[in-house]
């Protein structure tokens, strides 16, 4: 089944749950890809930390406005908890990083809440790197 990402970020915003305090982490590469694509990113990490010029939120309830879309980069247990905390927040779409980060019961919970859930690394459609584009092609991701 092909996954079309063309209209996934319709409001050009995303809450990024699982943004890391480590400046060399994979999450920073994803963050930079979102920014380069013109998508406003609201980084969320339950541990409070600050960074020059970047506001990091500890909870989605702190965001100045809640975007339609959330990207989650957490382990399965924390992903399940994050989805539970999103109930009633107006989220319409969730992008889960990979099958290693979300289980079937969490995907079913999203469906019950009326949230469109997609499992795909955002670098497959945001990055111009050959490896990511090839991975996206194999996974059926349409840019």
N, C-alpha and C. Protein backbone atom coordinates (compact mmCIF):
# COMPACT_ATOMS: atom_id res chain seq x y z
N UNK A 1 0.84 -1.18 0.00
CA UNK A 1 0.00 0.00 0.00
C UNK A 1 0.88 1.24 0.00
N UNK A 2 0.63 2.15 -0.91
CA UNK A 2 1.40 3.39 -0.99
C UNK A 2 0.94 4.37 0.08
N UNK A 3 1.88 5.09 0.61
CA UNK A 3 1.60 6.12 1.61
C UNK A 3 1.88 7.46 0.97
N UNK A 4 0.85 8.30 0.86
CA UNK A 4 1.05 9.62 0.26
C UNK A 4 1.27 10.65 1.36
N UNK A 5 2.41 11.31 1.32
CA UNK A 5 2.74 12.29 2.34
C UNK A 5 2.48 13.72 1.84
N UNK A 6 2.06 13.85 0.59
CA UNK A 6 1.89 15.16 -0.03
C UNK A 6 0.98 16.08 0.80
N UNK A 7 -0.11 15.54 1.30
CA UNK A 7 -1.07 16.36 2.04
C UNK A 7 -1.09 16.04 3.54
N UNK A 8 -0.09 15.35 4.01
CA UNK A 8 -0.10 14.96 5.42
C UNK A 8 0.08 16.16 6.34
N UNK A 9 0.97 17.07 5.99
CA UNK A 9 1.24 18.24 6.82
C UNK A 9 0.50 19.45 6.24
N UNK A 10 -0.82 19.37 6.19
CA UNK A 10 -1.63 20.38 5.51
C UNK A 10 -1.51 21.76 6.14
N UNK A 11 -1.26 21.84 7.43
CA UNK A 11 -1.13 23.16 8.05
C UNK A 11 0.34 23.57 8.23
N UNK A 12 1.25 22.81 7.62
CA UNK A 12 2.70 23.10 7.67
C UNK A 12 3.23 23.23 9.09
N UNK A 13 2.68 22.43 10.00
CA UNK A 13 3.13 22.42 11.39
C UNK A 13 3.15 20.97 11.88
N UNK A 14 4.01 20.72 12.84
CA UNK A 14 4.04 19.40 13.46
C UNK A 14 4.55 19.53 14.90
N UNK A 15 3.91 18.81 15.81
CA UNK A 15 4.45 18.67 17.15
C UNK A 15 5.35 17.44 17.10
N UNK A 16 6.58 17.58 17.55
CA UNK A 16 7.59 16.51 17.48
C UNK A 16 7.79 15.98 18.89
N UNK A 17 7.12 14.87 19.21
CA UNK A 17 7.23 14.26 20.53
C UNK A 17 8.37 13.25 20.51
N UNK A 18 9.37 13.52 21.34
CA UNK A 18 10.56 12.67 21.38
C UNK A 18 11.79 13.39 20.87
N UNK A 19 11.69 14.71 20.77
CA UNK A 19 12.84 15.53 20.37
C UNK A 19 13.92 15.38 21.44
N UNK A 20 15.13 15.09 21.02
CA UNK A 20 16.21 14.77 21.96
C UNK A 20 17.02 16.00 22.38
N UNK A 21 17.52 15.95 23.59
CA UNK A 21 18.42 17.00 24.07
C UNK A 21 19.83 16.82 23.51
N UNK A 22 20.11 15.68 22.92
CA UNK A 22 21.42 15.40 22.33
C UNK A 22 21.50 16.04 20.94
N UNK A 23 22.37 17.04 20.77
CA UNK A 23 22.45 17.73 19.47
C UNK A 23 22.93 16.84 18.32
N UNK A 24 23.49 15.68 18.62
CA UNK A 24 23.97 14.77 17.57
C UNK A 24 23.02 13.61 17.31
N UNK A 25 21.82 13.67 17.88
CA UNK A 25 20.88 12.56 17.76
C UNK A 25 20.19 12.53 16.40
N UNK A 26 19.61 11.39 16.08
CA UNK A 26 18.83 11.23 14.86
C UNK A 26 17.66 12.22 14.84
N UNK A 27 17.09 12.49 16.01
CA UNK A 27 15.93 13.39 16.06
C UNK A 27 16.28 14.78 15.53
N UNK A 28 17.51 15.20 15.71
CA UNK A 28 17.93 16.51 15.20
C UNK A 28 17.96 16.52 13.67
N UNK A 29 18.33 15.40 13.07
CA UNK A 29 18.33 15.30 11.61
C UNK A 29 16.90 15.40 11.09
N UNK A 30 15.99 14.71 11.76
CA UNK A 30 14.58 14.77 11.37
C UNK A 30 14.06 16.20 11.55
N UNK A 31 14.38 16.81 12.68
CA UNK A 31 13.97 18.20 12.94
C UNK A 31 14.44 19.10 11.80
N UNK A 32 15.72 19.00 11.44
CA UNK A 32 16.27 19.84 10.38
C UNK A 32 15.58 19.58 9.04
N UNK A 33 15.23 18.33 8.76
CA UNK A 33 14.51 18.02 7.52
C UNK A 33 13.13 18.68 7.50
N UNK A 34 12.42 18.64 8.63
CA UNK A 34 11.13 19.32 8.71
C UNK A 34 11.29 20.82 8.43
N UNK A 35 12.26 21.43 9.09
CA UNK A 35 12.49 22.87 8.95
C UNK A 35 12.84 23.22 7.50
N UNK A 36 13.73 22.45 6.89
CA UNK A 36 14.11 22.69 5.49
C UNK A 36 12.92 22.58 4.55
N UNK A 37 11.94 21.76 4.91
CA UNK A 37 10.74 21.58 4.09
C UNK A 37 9.70 22.68 4.35
N UNK A 38 10.03 23.62 5.24
CA UNK A 38 9.12 24.72 5.53
C UNK A 38 8.03 24.37 6.53
N UNK A 39 8.24 23.32 7.31
CA UNK A 39 7.26 22.89 8.30
C UNK A 39 7.67 23.43 9.67
N UNK A 40 6.76 24.14 10.32
CA UNK A 40 6.99 24.67 11.66
C UNK A 40 6.98 23.50 12.64
N UNK A 41 8.04 23.39 13.44
CA UNK A 41 8.18 22.27 14.37
C UNK A 41 8.07 22.76 15.80
N UNK A 42 7.23 22.08 16.58
CA UNK A 42 7.13 22.33 18.02
C UNK A 42 7.78 21.14 18.72
N UNK A 43 9.06 21.27 19.14
CA UNK A 43 9.74 20.15 19.80
C UNK A 43 9.17 19.89 21.19
N UNK A 44 8.90 18.63 21.48
CA UNK A 44 8.34 18.24 22.78
C UNK A 44 9.23 17.16 23.39
N UNK A 45 9.64 17.39 24.64
CA UNK A 45 10.42 16.42 25.40
C UNK A 45 9.98 16.56 26.85
N UNK A 46 9.63 15.46 27.50
CA UNK A 46 9.12 15.53 28.87
C UNK A 46 10.16 16.05 29.87
N UNK A 47 11.42 15.99 29.49
CA UNK A 47 12.48 16.53 30.35
C UNK A 47 12.77 17.95 29.93
N UNK A 48 12.71 18.86 30.86
CA UNK A 48 12.93 20.27 30.57
C UNK A 48 14.40 20.53 30.25
N UNK A 49 14.64 21.15 29.12
CA UNK A 49 15.98 21.63 28.78
C UNK A 49 15.81 22.81 27.85
N UNK A 50 16.84 23.59 27.73
CA UNK A 50 16.75 24.76 26.85
C UNK A 50 17.87 24.71 25.83
N UNK A 51 17.64 25.43 24.78
CA UNK A 51 18.61 25.48 23.70
C UNK A 51 18.53 26.87 23.08
N UNK A 52 19.66 27.38 22.69
CA UNK A 52 19.71 28.72 22.11
C UNK A 52 18.71 28.88 20.97
N UNK A 53 17.76 29.78 21.16
CA UNK A 53 16.82 30.13 20.12
C UNK A 53 15.75 29.10 19.81
N UNK A 54 15.69 28.03 20.55
CA UNK A 54 14.70 26.98 20.28
C UNK A 54 13.92 26.69 21.55
N UNK A 55 12.62 26.88 21.47
CA UNK A 55 11.78 26.58 22.63
C UNK A 55 11.38 25.12 22.59
N UNK A 56 11.69 24.42 23.67
CA UNK A 56 11.33 23.01 23.79
C UNK A 56 10.22 22.93 24.84
N UNK A 57 9.14 22.27 24.47
CA UNK A 57 7.97 22.16 25.34
C UNK A 57 8.01 20.81 26.06
N UNK A 58 7.53 20.78 27.30
CA UNK A 58 7.51 19.53 28.05
C UNK A 58 6.18 18.79 27.89
N UNK A 59 5.19 19.46 27.31
CA UNK A 59 3.87 18.85 27.14
C UNK A 59 3.18 19.52 25.96
N UNK A 60 2.38 18.77 25.25
CA UNK A 60 1.69 19.33 24.09
C UNK A 60 0.72 20.44 24.49
N UNK A 61 0.25 20.40 25.73
CA UNK A 61 -0.65 21.44 26.23
C UNK A 61 0.02 22.80 26.34
N UNK A 62 1.33 22.87 26.30
CA UNK A 62 2.06 24.14 26.38
C UNK A 62 2.20 24.84 25.03
N UNK A 63 1.91 24.14 23.95
CA UNK A 63 2.12 24.72 22.62
C UNK A 63 1.25 25.95 22.42
N UNK A 64 1.76 26.97 21.73
CA UNK A 64 0.96 28.17 21.48
C UNK A 64 -0.28 27.85 20.65
N UNK A 65 -0.19 26.86 19.80
CA UNK A 65 -1.35 26.30 19.09
C UNK A 65 -1.03 24.85 18.80
N UNK A 66 -2.06 24.04 18.82
CA UNK A 66 -1.84 22.61 18.60
C UNK A 66 -1.99 22.33 17.10
N UNK A 67 -0.94 21.81 16.48
CA UNK A 67 -1.04 21.49 15.05
C UNK A 67 -1.92 20.26 14.82
N UNK A 68 -2.33 20.06 13.59
CA UNK A 68 -3.14 18.90 13.24
C UNK A 68 -2.34 17.61 13.32
N UNK A 69 -1.03 17.71 13.15
CA UNK A 69 -0.18 16.53 13.01
C UNK A 69 0.87 16.44 14.12
N UNK A 70 1.11 15.22 14.56
CA UNK A 70 2.14 14.93 15.55
C UNK A 70 3.06 13.86 14.97
N UNK A 71 4.36 14.04 15.17
CA UNK A 71 5.34 13.02 14.83
C UNK A 71 5.87 12.48 16.14
N UNK A 72 5.87 11.15 16.30
CA UNK A 72 6.32 10.53 17.54
C UNK A 72 7.54 9.65 17.27
N UNK A 73 8.61 9.95 18.01
CA UNK A 73 9.86 9.19 17.94
C UNK A 73 10.22 8.75 19.36
N UNK A 74 9.54 7.70 19.82
CA UNK A 74 9.73 7.15 21.16
C UNK A 74 9.71 5.63 21.08
N UNK A 75 10.05 4.97 22.18
CA UNK A 75 9.90 3.52 22.21
C UNK A 75 8.41 3.17 22.33
N UNK A 76 8.05 1.91 22.12
CA UNK A 76 6.64 1.51 22.09
C UNK A 76 5.88 1.88 23.36
N UNK A 77 6.49 1.63 24.50
CA UNK A 77 5.82 1.92 25.78
C UNK A 77 5.52 3.41 25.91
N UNK A 78 6.50 4.25 25.63
CA UNK A 78 6.29 5.69 25.74
C UNK A 78 5.40 6.23 24.63
N UNK A 79 5.42 5.59 23.46
CA UNK A 79 4.52 5.98 22.38
C UNK A 79 3.08 5.78 22.81
N UNK A 80 2.80 4.64 23.42
CA UNK A 80 1.44 4.35 23.90
C UNK A 80 0.98 5.43 24.90
N UNK A 81 1.85 5.80 25.82
CA UNK A 81 1.52 6.84 26.81
C UNK A 81 1.30 8.19 26.12
N UNK A 82 2.13 8.50 25.14
CA UNK A 82 2.00 9.77 24.42
C UNK A 82 0.66 9.86 23.70
N UNK A 83 0.26 8.77 23.07
CA UNK A 83 -1.03 8.76 22.35
C UNK A 83 -2.18 8.95 23.34
N UNK A 84 -2.10 8.32 24.49
CA UNK A 84 -3.14 8.49 25.51
C UNK A 84 -3.26 9.96 25.92
N UNK A 85 -2.12 10.66 26.03
CA UNK A 85 -2.13 12.07 26.43
C UNK A 85 -2.65 12.99 25.32
N UNK A 86 -2.72 12.49 24.09
CA UNK A 86 -3.20 13.30 22.97
C UNK A 86 -4.72 13.30 22.84
N UNK A 87 -5.39 12.43 23.60
CA UNK A 87 -6.86 12.37 23.53
C UNK A 87 -7.46 13.74 23.80
N UNK A 88 -8.39 14.13 22.94
CA UNK A 88 -9.12 15.37 23.13
C UNK A 88 -8.32 16.63 22.84
N UNK A 89 -7.16 16.52 22.24
CA UNK A 89 -6.31 17.69 21.97
C UNK A 89 -6.51 18.26 20.57
N UNK A 90 -7.34 17.62 19.75
CA UNK A 90 -7.58 18.12 18.40
C UNK A 90 -6.60 17.61 17.36
N UNK A 91 -5.83 16.60 17.71
CA UNK A 91 -4.87 16.02 16.77
C UNK A 91 -5.64 15.20 15.73
N UNK A 92 -5.30 15.41 14.46
CA UNK A 92 -5.97 14.69 13.39
C UNK A 92 -5.10 13.59 12.78
N UNK A 93 -3.78 13.74 12.89
CA UNK A 93 -2.87 12.79 12.25
C UNK A 93 -1.65 12.56 13.14
N UNK A 94 -1.20 11.32 13.17
CA UNK A 94 0.03 10.99 13.88
C UNK A 94 0.93 10.21 12.92
N UNK A 95 2.18 10.64 12.85
CA UNK A 95 3.20 9.94 12.09
C UNK A 95 4.10 9.24 13.10
N UNK A 96 4.09 7.90 13.08
CA UNK A 96 4.95 7.12 13.96
C UNK A 96 6.21 6.78 13.19
N UNK A 97 7.35 6.87 13.85
CA UNK A 97 8.62 6.73 13.16
C UNK A 97 8.80 5.40 12.43
N UNK A 98 8.49 4.31 13.10
CA UNK A 98 8.67 2.99 12.47
C UNK A 98 7.83 1.96 13.22
N UNK A 99 7.77 0.76 12.65
CA UNK A 99 7.05 -0.34 13.30
C UNK A 99 7.69 -0.72 14.62
N UNK A 100 8.94 -0.35 14.82
CA UNK A 100 9.61 -0.62 16.10
C UNK A 100 9.16 0.33 17.20
N UNK A 101 8.45 1.39 16.84
CA UNK A 101 8.08 2.40 17.82
C UNK A 101 6.59 2.42 18.16
N UNK A 102 5.80 1.58 17.50
CA UNK A 102 4.36 1.56 17.76
C UNK A 102 3.83 0.15 17.57
N UNK A 103 2.86 -0.23 18.41
CA UNK A 103 2.27 -1.56 18.26
C UNK A 103 0.85 -1.45 17.72
N UNK A 104 0.30 -2.59 17.36
CA UNK A 104 -1.03 -2.65 16.73
C UNK A 104 -2.11 -2.07 17.64
N UNK A 105 -2.02 -2.30 18.95
CA UNK A 105 -3.05 -1.78 19.86
C UNK A 105 -3.05 -0.26 19.89
N UNK A 106 -1.89 0.35 19.78
CA UNK A 106 -1.82 1.82 19.75
C UNK A 106 -2.39 2.35 18.44
N UNK A 107 -2.11 1.67 17.34
CA UNK A 107 -2.69 2.07 16.05
C UNK A 107 -4.21 1.94 16.09
N UNK A 108 -4.72 0.88 16.72
CA UNK A 108 -6.17 0.71 16.86
C UNK A 108 -6.77 1.80 17.73
N UNK A 109 -6.05 2.20 18.77
CA UNK A 109 -6.52 3.29 19.64
C UNK A 109 -6.64 4.58 18.85
N UNK A 110 -5.68 4.85 17.98
CA UNK A 110 -5.74 6.04 17.12
C UNK A 110 -7.00 6.00 16.26
N UNK A 111 -7.27 4.84 15.69
CA UNK A 111 -8.45 4.69 14.84
C UNK A 111 -9.72 4.99 15.63
N UNK A 112 -9.81 4.47 16.87
CA UNK A 112 -10.97 4.72 17.73
C UNK A 112 -11.13 6.21 18.02
N UNK A 113 -10.00 6.93 18.13
CA UNK A 113 -10.04 8.36 18.43
C UNK A 113 -10.26 9.20 17.17
N UNK A 114 -10.35 8.55 16.01
CA UNK A 114 -10.54 9.28 14.77
C UNK A 114 -9.29 9.96 14.25
N UNK A 115 -8.14 9.43 14.64
CA UNK A 115 -6.85 9.99 14.23
C UNK A 115 -6.25 9.13 13.12
N UNK A 116 -5.86 9.77 12.03
CA UNK A 116 -5.17 9.07 10.95
C UNK A 116 -3.76 8.74 11.44
N UNK A 117 -3.39 7.48 11.36
CA UNK A 117 -2.08 7.03 11.84
C UNK A 117 -1.29 6.45 10.68
N UNK A 118 -0.05 6.92 10.54
CA UNK A 118 0.85 6.44 9.50
C UNK A 118 2.17 6.05 10.16
N UNK A 119 2.73 4.94 9.71
CA UNK A 119 4.03 4.49 10.20
C UNK A 119 5.03 4.65 9.06
N UNK A 120 5.91 5.63 9.21
CA UNK A 120 6.91 5.90 8.16
C UNK A 120 7.94 6.89 8.70
N UNK A 121 9.19 6.63 8.43
CA UNK A 121 10.25 7.58 8.80
C UNK A 121 10.09 8.83 7.94
N UNK A 122 9.99 10.01 8.53
CA UNK A 122 9.80 11.22 7.74
C UNK A 122 10.96 11.53 6.80
N UNK A 123 12.12 10.99 7.08
CA UNK A 123 13.27 11.25 6.20
C UNK A 123 13.06 10.61 4.83
N UNK A 124 12.16 9.63 4.73
CA UNK A 124 11.90 8.99 3.44
C UNK A 124 11.24 9.96 2.45
N UNK A 125 10.54 10.97 2.97
CA UNK A 125 9.90 11.92 2.07
C UNK A 125 10.41 13.34 2.23
N UNK A 126 11.15 13.62 3.29
CA UNK A 126 11.69 14.97 3.50
C UNK A 126 13.12 15.12 3.01
N UNK A 127 13.91 14.09 3.19
CA UNK A 127 15.33 14.16 2.86
C UNK A 127 15.55 13.90 1.37
N UNK A 128 16.56 14.54 0.82
CA UNK A 128 16.92 14.30 -0.58
C UNK A 128 18.05 13.29 -0.72
N UNK A 129 18.50 12.74 0.40
CA UNK A 129 19.56 11.75 0.36
C UNK A 129 19.11 10.48 -0.37
N UNK A 130 19.98 9.92 -1.14
CA UNK A 130 19.66 8.74 -1.96
C UNK A 130 19.15 7.58 -1.12
N UNK A 131 19.80 7.31 -0.01
CA UNK A 131 19.40 6.18 0.85
C UNK A 131 17.96 6.36 1.33
N UNK A 132 17.63 7.57 1.79
CA UNK A 132 16.28 7.83 2.32
C UNK A 132 15.24 7.76 1.21
N UNK A 133 15.56 8.30 0.04
CA UNK A 133 14.63 8.25 -1.08
C UNK A 133 14.41 6.81 -1.53
N UNK A 134 15.48 6.02 -1.58
CA UNK A 134 15.36 4.61 -1.96
C UNK A 134 14.53 3.85 -0.93
N UNK A 135 14.79 4.09 0.33
CA UNK A 135 14.01 3.47 1.41
C UNK A 135 12.53 3.82 1.25
N UNK A 136 12.24 5.09 0.97
CA UNK A 136 10.86 5.52 0.76
C UNK A 136 10.22 4.84 -0.43
N UNK A 137 10.96 4.72 -1.52
CA UNK A 137 10.45 4.06 -2.72
C UNK A 137 10.08 2.62 -2.41
N UNK A 138 10.98 1.91 -1.73
CA UNK A 138 10.73 0.51 -1.38
C UNK A 138 9.53 0.39 -0.45
N UNK A 139 9.40 1.34 0.48
CA UNK A 139 8.30 1.32 1.45
C UNK A 139 6.98 1.80 0.86
N UNK A 140 7.02 2.34 -0.36
CA UNK A 140 5.80 2.81 -1.00
C UNK A 140 5.39 4.21 -0.58
N UNK A 141 6.35 5.02 -0.15
CA UNK A 141 6.06 6.39 0.26
C UNK A 141 6.08 7.29 -0.96
N UNK A 142 4.97 8.01 -1.17
CA UNK A 142 4.90 8.97 -2.27
C UNK A 142 5.21 10.34 -1.73
N UNK A 143 6.16 11.02 -2.38
CA UNK A 143 6.56 12.35 -1.96
C UNK A 143 5.56 13.38 -2.39
